[in-house]
């Protein structure tokens, strides 16, 4: 009988929690303190989830947060079909939910996978078919709160819980780096303003970052896919249950019911 290594055991626990919507105790710091170790655990966990991947999320895209946590760049994680919902659907939260985010997401053509060379700001447009506003509910599969390192988020499936995609539009070139955004819940009198310029320079640059990482990791989904580019409002604490509405100027709106 082959004995499982510690990282194998931990990945089994995390995957089980992910699949069954359960919460486990915090995993050892050695897998969360440094992003390199967290990446190993994330990739191992993702290799064990036999479910359709519909895209990827960028995380840690706020430049002030990158500097504060002394990281060099954001990271990405896979997004599974079962975690993608239509605008207006209900998301059940728990004590390990970190908050809610408002993002711009892009539908990328499968032709990207056969592209040669790096994706640049000059050639990226030819690989995008659609864009939309998106709400992401973020949280852990573990009993812990807050963010002390990117490893906390990365090791736990990128801390993604659910993604709700709003009004989908055909992609067109607009000044994506300076659009006003807002997410609000009128019932609890909560309203947070943001701007797309907080997302790793801008959402298109965040998309470029993710696509080059996917290319480097030699991933090929063989189909069109979504990329969620990071929050324009930071991680907004959920102050109360009910309807949250997100709006991105020139792109549209998206809704989520939090229970």
C-alpha atoms as a PDB file:
ATOM      1  CA  UNK A   1       0.000   0.000   0.000  1.00  0.00           C
ATOM      2  CA  UNK A   2       1.391   3.426  -0.995  1.00  0.00           C
ATOM      3  CA  UNK A   3       1.271   5.989   1.810  1.00  0.00           C
ATOM      4  CA  UNK A   4      -0.200   9.336   0.783  1.00  0.00           C
ATOM      5  CA  UNK A   5       1.906  12.450   1.235  1.00  0.00           C
ATOM      6  CA  UNK A   6       0.613  15.345   3.349  1.00  0.00           C
ATOM      7  CA  UNK A   7      -0.213  17.448   0.304  1.00  0.00           C
ATOM      8  CA  UNK A   8      -2.175  14.517  -1.180  1.00  0.00           C
ATOM      9  CA  UNK A   9      -4.217  14.133   2.018  1.00  0.00           C
ATOM     10  CA  UNK A  10      -4.912  17.859   2.240  1.00  0.00           C
ATOM     11  CA  UNK A  11      -5.943  18.051  -1.410  1.00  0.00           C
ATOM     12  CA  UNK A  12      -8.336  15.127  -0.879  1.00  0.00           C
ATOM     13  CA  UNK A  13      -9.951  16.974   2.056  1.00  0.00           C
ATOM     14  CA  UNK A  14     -10.247  20.251   0.141  1.00  0.00           C
ATOM     15  CA  UNK A  15     -11.686  18.573  -2.945  1.00  0.00           C
ATOM     16  CA  UNK A  16     -14.251  16.694  -0.851  1.00  0.00           C
ATOM     17  CA  UNK A  17     -15.249  19.975   0.842  1.00  0.00           C
ATOM     18  CA  UNK A  18     -15.483  21.686  -2.557  1.00  0.00           C
ATOM     19  CA  UNK A  19     -17.660  18.952  -4.078  1.00  0.00           C
ATOM     20  CA  UNK A  20     -19.967  18.553  -1.080  1.00  0.00           C
ATOM     21  CA  UNK A  21     -20.175  22.253  -0.091  1.00  0.00           C
ATOM     22  CA  UNK A  22     -18.705  21.485   3.337  1.00  0.00           C
ATOM     23  CA  UNK A  23     -16.375  23.493   5.567  1.00  0.00           C
ATOM     24  CA  UNK A  24     -13.186  21.943   6.991  1.00  0.00           C
ATOM     25  CA  UNK A  25     -10.593  23.148   9.481  1.00  0.00           C
ATOM     26  CA  UNK A  26      -7.793  25.468   8.252  1.00  0.00           C
ATOM     27  CA  UNK A  27      -5.054  23.757   6.241  1.00  0.00           C
ATOM     28  CA  UNK A  28      -1.396  24.043   7.379  1.00  0.00           C
ATOM     29  CA  UNK A  29       0.303  27.420   6.858  1.00  0.00           C
ATOM     30  CA  UNK A  30       3.073  25.855   4.771  1.00  0.00           C
ATOM     31  CA  UNK A  31       0.579  25.551   1.895  1.00  0.00           C
ATOM     32  CA  UNK A  32      -0.783  29.089   2.172  1.00  0.00           C
ATOM     33  CA  UNK A  33       2.092  31.325   3.253  1.00  0.00           C
ATOM     34  CA  UNK A  34       3.968  31.183  -0.062  1.00  0.00           C
ATOM     35  CA  UNK A  35       2.187  31.425  -3.390  1.00  0.00           C
ATOM     36  CA  UNK A  36       4.460  28.794  -4.949  1.00  0.00           C
ATOM     37  CA  UNK A  37       3.294  26.117  -2.497  1.00  0.00           C
ATOM     38  CA  UNK A  38      -0.310  27.295  -2.775  1.00  0.00           C
ATOM     39  CA  UNK A  39      -0.137  26.963  -6.565  1.00  0.00           C
ATOM     40  CA  UNK A  40       1.029  23.357  -6.228  1.00  0.00           C
ATOM     41  CA  UNK A  41      -1.911  22.563  -3.955  1.00  0.00           C
ATOM     42  CA  UNK A  42      -4.417  24.376  -6.187  1.00  0.00           C
ATOM     43  CA  UNK A  43      -3.264  22.514  -9.291  1.00  0.00           C
ATOM     44  CA  UNK A  44      -3.352  19.183  -7.454  1.00  0.00           C
ATOM     45  CA  UNK A  45      -6.896  19.880  -6.207  1.00  0.00           C
ATOM     46  CA  UNK A  46      -8.096  20.958  -9.639  1.00  0.00           C
ATOM     47  CA  UNK A  47      -6.664  17.801 -11.218  1.00  0.00           C
ATOM     48  CA  UNK A  48      -8.924  15.761  -8.922  1.00  0.00           C
ATOM     49  CA  UNK A  49     -12.176  17.565  -9.782  1.00  0.00           C
ATOM     50  CA  UNK A  50     -13.692  15.717 -12.727  1.00  0.00           C
ATOM     51  CA  UNK A  51     -16.158  18.405 -13.730  1.00  0.00           C
ATOM     52  CA  UNK A  52     -16.347  20.687 -16.789  1.00  0.00           C
ATOM     53  CA  UNK A  53     -14.199  23.813 -16.567  1.00  0.00           C
ATOM     54  CA  UNK A  54     -15.896  26.843 -18.145  1.00  0.00           C
ATOM     55  CA  UNK A  55     -13.042  29.278 -17.703  1.00  0.00           C
ATOM     56  CA  UNK A  56     -10.653  30.950 -15.302  1.00  0.00           C
ATOM     57  CA  UNK A  57     -10.609  33.745 -12.758  1.00  0.00           C
ATOM     58  CA  UNK A  58      -7.927  36.312 -12.083  1.00  0.00           C
ATOM     59  CA  UNK A  59      -7.389  36.945  -8.387  1.00  0.00           C
ATOM     60  CA  UNK A  60      -5.324  39.390  -6.394  1.00  0.00           C
ATOM     61  CA  UNK A  61      -5.662  41.994  -9.155  1.00  0.00           C
ATOM     62  CA  UNK A  62      -5.709  45.052  -6.891  1.00  0.00           C
ATOM     63  CA  UNK A  63      -2.268  46.681  -7.162  1.00  0.00           C
ATOM     64  CA  UNK A  64      -2.414  48.126  -3.567  1.00  0.00           C
ATOM     65  CA  UNK A  65      -3.152  44.592  -2.281  1.00  0.00           C
ATOM     66  CA  UNK A  66      -0.284  43.137  -4.335  1.00  0.00           C
ATOM     67  CA  UNK A  67       2.086  45.665  -2.746  1.00  0.00           C
ATOM     68  CA  UNK A  68       0.657  45.246   0.759  1.00  0.00           C
ATOM     69  CA  UNK A  69       1.080  41.472   0.702  1.00  0.00           C
ATOM     70  CA  UNK A  70       4.498  41.782  -1.016  1.00  0.00           C
ATOM     71  CA  UNK A  71       3.482  39.720  -4.022  1.00  0.00           C
ATOM     72  CA  UNK A  72       4.757  40.185  -7.570  1.00  0.00           C
ATOM     73  CA  UNK A  73       1.599  39.599  -9.579  1.00  0.00           C
ATOM     74  CA  UNK A  74      -1.953  38.190  -9.436  1.00  0.00           C
ATOM     75  CA  UNK A  75      -2.722  34.492  -9.926  1.00  0.00           C
ATOM     76  CA  UNK A  76      -5.471  32.531 -11.637  1.00  0.00           C
ATOM     77  CA  UNK A  77      -7.690  29.548 -10.863  1.00  0.00           C
ATOM     78  CA  UNK A  78     -10.110  27.340 -12.794  1.00  0.00           C
ATOM     79  CA  UNK A  79     -13.848  28.025 -12.736  1.00  0.00           C
ATOM     80  CA  UNK A  80     -16.234  25.070 -12.936  1.00  0.00           C
ATOM     81  CA  UNK A  81     -19.535  24.953 -14.786  1.00  0.00           C
ATOM     82  CA  UNK A  82     -21.487  24.171 -11.631  1.00  0.00           C
ATOM     83  CA  UNK A  83     -20.353  27.457 -10.071  1.00  0.00           C
ATOM     84  CA  UNK A  84     -21.657  29.593 -12.943  1.00  0.00           C
ATOM     85  CA  UNK A  85     -25.154  31.030 -12.512  1.00  0.00           C
ATOM     86  CA  UNK A  86     -27.426  33.374 -14.427  1.00  0.00           C
ATOM     87  CA  UNK A  87     -27.969  36.892 -13.141  1.00  0.00           C
ATOM     88  CA  UNK A  88     -30.626  37.054 -10.411  1.00  0.00           C
ATOM     89  CA  UNK A  89     -30.066  33.553  -9.045  1.00  0.00           C
ATOM     90  CA  UNK A  90     -29.673  32.775  -5.330  1.00  0.00           C
ATOM     91  CA  UNK A  91     -26.370  32.114  -3.557  1.00  0.00           C
ATOM     92  CA  UNK A  92     -26.336  30.636  -0.058  1.00  0.00           C
ATOM     93  CA  UNK A  93     -23.488  31.950   2.104  1.00  0.00           C
ATOM     94  CA  UNK A  94     -21.840  30.769   5.338  1.00  0.00           C
ATOM     95  CA  UNK A  95     -19.421  32.069   7.991  1.00  0.00           C
ATOM     96  CA  UNK A  96     -16.439  31.430   5.717  1.00  0.00           C
ATOM     97  CA  UNK A  97     -17.796  33.681   2.956  1.00  0.00           C
ATOM     98  CA  UNK A  98     -15.409  36.613   2.509  1.00  0.00           C
ATOM     99  CA  UNK A  99     -17.666  38.882   0.498  1.00  0.00           C
ATOM    100  CA  UNK A 100     -18.967  39.874  -2.908  1.00  0.00           C
ATOM    101  CA  UNK A 101     -17.141  41.339  -5.919  1.00  0.00           C
ATOM    102  CA  UNK A 102     -18.121  43.154  -9.118  1.00  0.00           C
ATOM    103  CA  UNK A 103     -16.101  42.352 -12.228  1.00  0.00           C
ATOM    104  CA  UNK A 104     -15.897  42.536 -16.001  1.00  0.00           C
ATOM    105  CA  UNK A 105     -15.720  39.131 -17.687  1.00  0.00           C
ATOM    106  CA  UNK A 106     -14.832  38.161 -21.248  1.00  0.00           C
ATOM    107  CA  UNK A 107     -15.800  35.232 -23.475  1.00  0.00           C
ATOM    108  CA  UNK A 108     -12.632  34.050 -25.242  1.00  0.00           C
ATOM    109  CA  UNK A 109     -12.683  32.134 -28.549  1.00  0.00           C
ATOM    110  CA  UNK A 110     -11.245  28.623 -28.650  1.00  0.00           C
ATOM    111  CA  UNK A 111      -8.889  29.818 -31.411  1.00  0.00           C
ATOM    112  CA  UNK A 112      -6.800  31.234 -28.555  1.00  0.00           C
ATOM    113  CA  UNK A 113      -5.563  27.705 -27.792  1.00  0.00           C
ATOM    114  CA  UNK A 114      -3.910  27.411 -31.203  1.00  0.00           C
ATOM    115  CA  UNK A 115      -2.373  30.903 -31.089  1.00  0.00           C
ATOM    116  CA  UNK A 116       1.390  31.286 -31.371  1.00  0.00           C
ATOM    117  CA  UNK A 117       3.469  33.603 -29.231  1.00  0.00           C
ATOM    118  CA  UNK A 118       2.456  35.841 -26.333  1.00  0.00           C
ATOM    119  CA  UNK A 119      -0.915  37.542 -26.003  1.00  0.00           C
ATOM    120  CA  UNK A 120      -0.396  41.309 -26.061  1.00  0.00           C
ATOM    121  CA  UNK A 121      -2.634  44.349 -25.723  1.00  0.00           C
ATOM    122  CA  UNK A 122      -2.320  44.743 -29.501  1.00  0.00           C
ATOM    123  CA  UNK A 123      -3.486  41.250 -30.516  1.00  0.00           C
ATOM    124  CA  UNK A 124      -5.835  40.339 -27.624  1.00  0.00           C
ATOM    125  CA  UNK A 125      -9.015  41.743 -29.234  1.00  0.00           C
ATOM    126  CA  UNK A 126      -9.135  39.103 -31.975  1.00  0.00           C
ATOM    127  CA  UNK A 127      -9.619  36.374 -29.369  1.00  0.00           C
ATOM    128  CA  UNK A 128     -12.572  37.988 -27.540  1.00  0.00           C
ATOM    129  CA  UNK A 129     -16.186  37.473 -28.640  1.00  0.00           C
ATOM    130  CA  UNK A 130     -18.260  38.858 -25.741  1.00  0.00           C
ATOM    131  CA  UNK A 131     -18.072  40.851 -22.520  1.00  0.00           C
ATOM    132  CA  UNK A 132     -20.347  41.183 -19.503  1.00  0.00           C
ATOM    133  CA  UNK A 133     -20.582  42.424 -15.914  1.00  0.00           C
ATOM    134  CA  UNK A 134     -20.234  39.705 -13.297  1.00  0.00           C
ATOM    135  CA  UNK A 135     -20.765  39.237  -9.574  1.00  0.00           C
ATOM    136  CA  UNK A 136     -18.423  36.826  -7.824  1.00  0.00           C
ATOM    137  CA  UNK A 137     -19.163  35.536  -4.333  1.00  0.00           C
ATOM    138  CA  UNK A 138     -15.853  34.680  -2.682  1.00  0.00           C
ATOM    139  CA  UNK A 139     -15.176  32.445   0.294  1.00  0.00           C
ATOM    140  CA  UNK A 140     -13.202  29.588   1.746  1.00  0.00           C
ATOM    141  CA  UNK A 141     -13.883  25.901   2.092  1.00  0.00           C
ATOM    142  CA  UNK A 142     -12.172  26.305   5.477  1.00  0.00           C
ATOM    143  CA  UNK A 143     -13.106  27.786   8.846  1.00  0.00           C
ATOM    144  CA  UNK A 144     -11.017  30.915   8.577  1.00  0.00           C
ATOM    145  CA  UNK A 145     -11.499  34.604   7.902  1.00  0.00           C
ATOM    146  CA  UNK A 146      -9.564  37.363   6.199  1.00  0.00           C
ATOM    147  CA  UNK A 147      -6.618  37.347   3.800  1.00  0.00           C
ATOM    148  CA  UNK A 148      -3.028  37.255   5.024  1.00  0.00           C
ATOM    149  CA  UNK A 149      -1.459  36.127   1.749  1.00  0.00           C
ATOM    150  CA  UNK A 150      -2.413  35.270  -1.830  1.00  0.00           C
ATOM    151  CA  UNK A 151      -1.726  31.694  -0.781  1.00  0.00           C
ATOM    152  CA  UNK A 152      -4.842  31.773   1.438  1.00  0.00           C
ATOM    153  CA  UNK A 153      -6.997  32.392  -1.622  1.00  0.00           C
ATOM    154  CA  UNK A 154      -5.031  30.405  -4.191  1.00  0.00           C
ATOM    155  CA  UNK A 155      -4.790  27.165  -2.207  1.00  0.00           C
ATOM    156  CA  UNK A 156      -8.567  27.135  -1.679  1.00  0.00           C
ATOM    157  CA  UNK A 157      -9.653  26.954  -5.354  1.00  0.00           C
ATOM    158  CA  UNK A 158      -8.982  30.689  -5.714  1.00  0.00           C
ATOM    159  CA  UNK A 159     -11.682  31.161  -3.032  1.00  0.00           C
ATOM    160  CA  UNK A 160     -14.344  31.165  -5.742  1.00  0.00           C
ATOM    161  CA  UNK A 161     -17.853  30.204  -4.624  1.00  0.00           C
ATOM    162  CA  UNK A 162     -20.242  31.372  -7.383  1.00  0.00           C
ATOM    163  CA  UNK A 163     -20.157  33.578 -10.489  1.00  0.00           C
ATOM    164  CA  UNK A 164     -23.258  35.327 -11.801  1.00  0.00           C
ATOM    165  CA  UNK A 165     -23.001  36.745 -15.328  1.00  0.00           C
ATOM    166  CA  UNK A 166     -25.165  39.725 -16.270  1.00  0.00           C
ATOM    167  CA  UNK A 167     -26.088  41.259 -19.622  1.00  0.00           C
ATOM    168  CA  UNK A 168     -23.780  39.796 -22.281  1.00  0.00           C
ATOM    169  CA  UNK A 169     -22.679  42.125 -25.079  1.00  0.00           C
ATOM    170  CA  UNK A 170     -20.690  41.637 -28.238  1.00  0.00           C
ATOM    171  CA  UNK A 171     -17.112  42.699 -27.541  1.00  0.00           C
ATOM    172  CA  UNK A 172     -16.123  46.128 -28.713  1.00  0.00           C
ATOM    173  CA  UNK A 173     -13.169  48.339 -27.910  1.00  0.00           C
ATOM    174  CA  UNK A 174     -14.039  50.899 -25.242  1.00  0.00           C
ATOM    175  CA  UNK A 175     -11.969  52.735 -22.644  1.00  0.00           C
ATOM    176  CA  UNK A 176     -12.171  49.803 -20.229  1.00  0.00           C
ATOM    177  CA  UNK A 177      -9.622  51.345 -17.866  1.00  0.00           C
ATOM    178  CA  UNK A 178     -11.851  54.104 -16.496  1.00  0.00           C
ATOM    179  CA  UNK A 179     -15.439  52.941 -16.059  1.00  0.00           C
ATOM    180  CA  UNK A 180     -17.421  53.707 -12.913  1.00  0.00           C
ATOM    181  CA  UNK A 181     -18.852  50.698 -11.085  1.00  0.00           C
ATOM    182  CA  UNK A 182     -21.227  50.224  -8.161  1.00  0.00           C
ATOM    183  CA  UNK A 183     -22.617  47.343  -6.143  1.00  0.00           C
ATOM    184  CA  UNK A 184     -25.521  47.870  -3.767  1.00  0.00           C
ATOM    185  CA  UNK A 185     -28.137  46.267  -1.558  1.00  0.00           C
ATOM    186  CA  UNK A 186     -30.979  48.742  -0.918  1.00  0.00           C
ATOM    187  CA  UNK A 187     -32.530  46.559   1.774  1.00  0.00           C
ATOM    188  CA  UNK A 188     -29.532  47.016   4.101  1.00  0.00           C
ATOM    189  CA  UNK A 189     -28.614  50.480   2.780  1.00  0.00           C
ATOM    190  CA  UNK A 190     -25.246  49.305   1.438  1.00  0.00           C
ATOM    191  CA  UNK A 191     -23.644  50.887  -1.636  1.00  0.00           C
ATOM    192  CA  UNK A 192     -20.005  50.685  -2.742  1.00  0.00           C
ATOM    193  CA  UNK A 193     -18.525  52.604  -5.669  1.00  0.00           C
ATOM    194  CA  UNK A 194     -15.533  51.438  -7.689  1.00  0.00           C
ATOM    195  CA  UNK A 195     -13.703  51.825 -10.969  1.00  0.00           C
ATOM    196  CA  UNK A 196     -12.312  49.415 -13.523  1.00  0.00           C
ATOM    197  CA  UNK A 197      -8.913  51.117 -13.179  1.00  0.00           C
ATOM    198  CA  UNK A 198      -8.367  49.242  -9.894  1.00  0.00           C
ATOM    199  CA  UNK A 199      -8.213  45.907 -11.749  1.00  0.00           C
ATOM    200  CA  UNK A 200      -4.510  45.294 -12.514  1.00  0.00           C
ATOM    201  CA  UNK A 201      -4.304  48.507 -14.605  1.00  0.00           C
ATOM    202  CA  UNK A 202      -7.555  47.501 -16.361  1.00  0.00           C
ATOM    203  CA  UNK A 203      -9.688  44.360 -16.965  1.00  0.00           C
ATOM    204  CA  UNK A 204      -8.238  43.825 -20.452  1.00  0.00           C
ATOM    205  CA  UNK A 205      -4.708  43.757 -19.025  1.00  0.00           C
ATOM    206  CA  UNK A 206      -5.903  41.291 -16.381  1.00  0.00           C
ATOM    207  CA  UNK A 207      -7.319  39.112 -19.180  1.00  0.00           C
ATOM    208  CA  UNK A 208      -3.978  39.283 -21.009  1.00  0.00           C
ATOM    209  CA  UNK A 209      -2.231  38.159 -17.804  1.00  0.00           C
ATOM    210  CA  UNK A 210      -4.551  35.139 -17.360  1.00  0.00           C
ATOM    211  CA  UNK A 211      -4.321  34.058 -21.006  1.00  0.00           C
ATOM    212  CA  UNK A 212      -0.519  34.067 -20.932  1.00  0.00           C
ATOM    213  CA  UNK A 213      -0.512  32.014 -17.708  1.00  0.00           C
ATOM    214  CA  UNK A 214      -2.962  29.492 -19.240  1.00  0.00           C
ATOM    215  CA  UNK A 215      -0.711  29.294 -22.294  1.00  0.00           C
ATOM    216  CA  UNK A 216       2.379  28.790 -20.124  1.00  0.00           C
ATOM    217  CA  UNK A 217       0.630  25.970 -18.228  1.00  0.00           C
ATOM    218  CA  UNK A 218      -0.298  24.331 -21.576  1.00  0.00           C
ATOM    219  CA  UNK A 219      -4.006  24.136 -20.794  1.00  0.00           C
ATOM    220  CA  UNK A 220      -6.401  23.529 -23.682  1.00  0.00           C
ATOM    221  CA  UNK A 221     -10.136  23.408 -22.991  1.00  0.00           C
ATOM    222  CA  UNK A 222     -10.897  22.980 -26.715  1.00  0.00           C
ATOM    223  CA  UNK A 223     -13.876  25.339 -26.527  1.00  0.00           C
ATOM    224  CA  UNK A 224     -14.808  28.978 -25.956  1.00  0.00           C
ATOM    225  CA  UNK A 225     -14.433  29.977 -22.307  1.00  0.00           C
ATOM    226  CA  UNK A 226     -14.962  32.780 -19.787  1.00  0.00           C
ATOM    227  CA  UNK A 227     -12.297  34.782 -17.978  1.00  0.00           C
ATOM    228  CA  UNK A 228     -13.302  36.739 -14.878  1.00  0.00           C
ATOM    229  CA  UNK A 229     -10.835  39.583 -14.515  1.00  0.00           C
ATOM    230  CA  UNK A 230     -10.978  40.648 -10.858  1.00  0.00           C
ATOM    231  CA  UNK A 231     -12.988  42.992  -8.675  1.00  0.00           C
ATOM    232  CA  UNK A 232     -13.502  46.670  -9.422  1.00  0.00           C
ATOM    233  CA  UNK A 233     -14.802  47.303  -5.880  1.00  0.00           C
ATOM    234  CA  UNK A 234     -12.483  45.098  -3.816  1.00  0.00           C
ATOM    235  CA  UNK A 235     -13.998  42.384  -1.634  1.00  0.00           C
ATOM    236  CA  UNK A 236     -17.208  43.971  -0.346  1.00  0.00           C
ATOM    237  CA  UNK A 237     -18.417  42.547   2.988  1.00  0.00           C
ATOM    238  CA  UNK A 238     -21.951  41.165   2.795  1.00  0.00           C
ATOM    239  CA  UNK A 239     -23.784  43.271   5.397  1.00  0.00           C
ATOM    240  CA  UNK A 240     -27.135  41.636   4.892  1.00  0.00           C
ATOM    241  CA  UNK A 241     -29.060  39.148   2.844  1.00  0.00           C
ATOM    242  CA  UNK A 242     -31.244  40.039  -0.111  1.00  0.00           C
ATOM    243  CA  UNK A 243     -30.702  41.430  -3.594  1.00  0.00           C
ATOM    244  CA  UNK A 244     -27.303  42.821  -4.617  1.00  0.00           C
ATOM    245  CA  UNK A 245     -27.163  44.756  -7.889  1.00  0.00           C
ATOM    246  CA  UNK A 246     -23.904  45.475  -9.693  1.00  0.00           C
ATOM    247  CA  UNK A 247     -23.531  48.085 -12.439  1.00  0.00           C
ATOM    248  CA  UNK A 248     -20.594  48.738 -14.778  1.00  0.00           C
ATOM    249  CA  UNK A 249     -20.847  51.866 -16.950  1.00  0.00           C
ATOM    250  CA  UNK A 250     -21.182  51.148 -20.687  1.00  0.00           C
ATOM    251  CA  UNK A 251     -21.302  47.375 -20.054  1.00  0.00           C
ATOM    252  CA  UNK A 252     -24.434  46.638 -18.055  1.00  0.00           C
ATOM    253  CA  UNK A 253     -25.809  45.245 -14.811  1.00  0.00           C
ATOM    254  CA  UNK A 254     -25.902  41.979 -12.899  1.00  0.00           C
ATOM    255  CA  UNK A 255     -27.853  40.749  -9.869  1.00  0.00           C
ATOM    256  CA  UNK A 256     -27.436  38.186  -7.098  1.00  0.00           C
ATOM    257  CA  UNK A 257     -29.752  37.180  -4.288  1.00  0.00           C
ATOM    258  CA  UNK A 258     -27.783  36.387  -1.132  1.00  0.00           C
ATOM    259  CA  UNK A 259     -29.363  33.995   1.354  1.00  0.00           C
END
